[in-house]
Amino acid sequence: MNTYTESQTVGLKVLNNLYQMSWESPEFKERFINNPSIIIEEIVGHKISSDYRYHVEDQSDSSIIYLNIPPKNELDSLELSDEQLELVAGGDVIAATLIIGGICLVAGAIGCAVGYYTN
């Protein structure tokens, strides 16, 4: 099983490969823009989750600054498990800090493109 960091590293390599291929081949870039899921599946060698939609936009024009609006984090909807609440209430500061930090990390990563490897 890959750790989160290993998955990020693999995802970054896939993205860099997709970018490089898009720069080198106008035909590939057009296919990637029009059918990102199919192209990603071809590159990673397996089906990707249909729970996500992928939008590829050619942002190679350096005279344009592109701004992406990220999803709003709904921190109110996050809940701690009974075990996590016990750790917080029991005074295990290190574990509680790690759990809360993990929840914040997850909340901040909502919509992040790490969804490439959802099997």
Foldseek 3Di string as FASTA:
>chain_A
DDDPVRLVVVVVVLVVVLVVVVVVDVVSVVCCQVPVQVVLCVSVVHHADPVDDDHDDPPPPPVDDDDDDDDDQDVVPDDDDPVLVCCVVVPVVVSNVVVVVVSVVVSVCVVPPSSSPPD
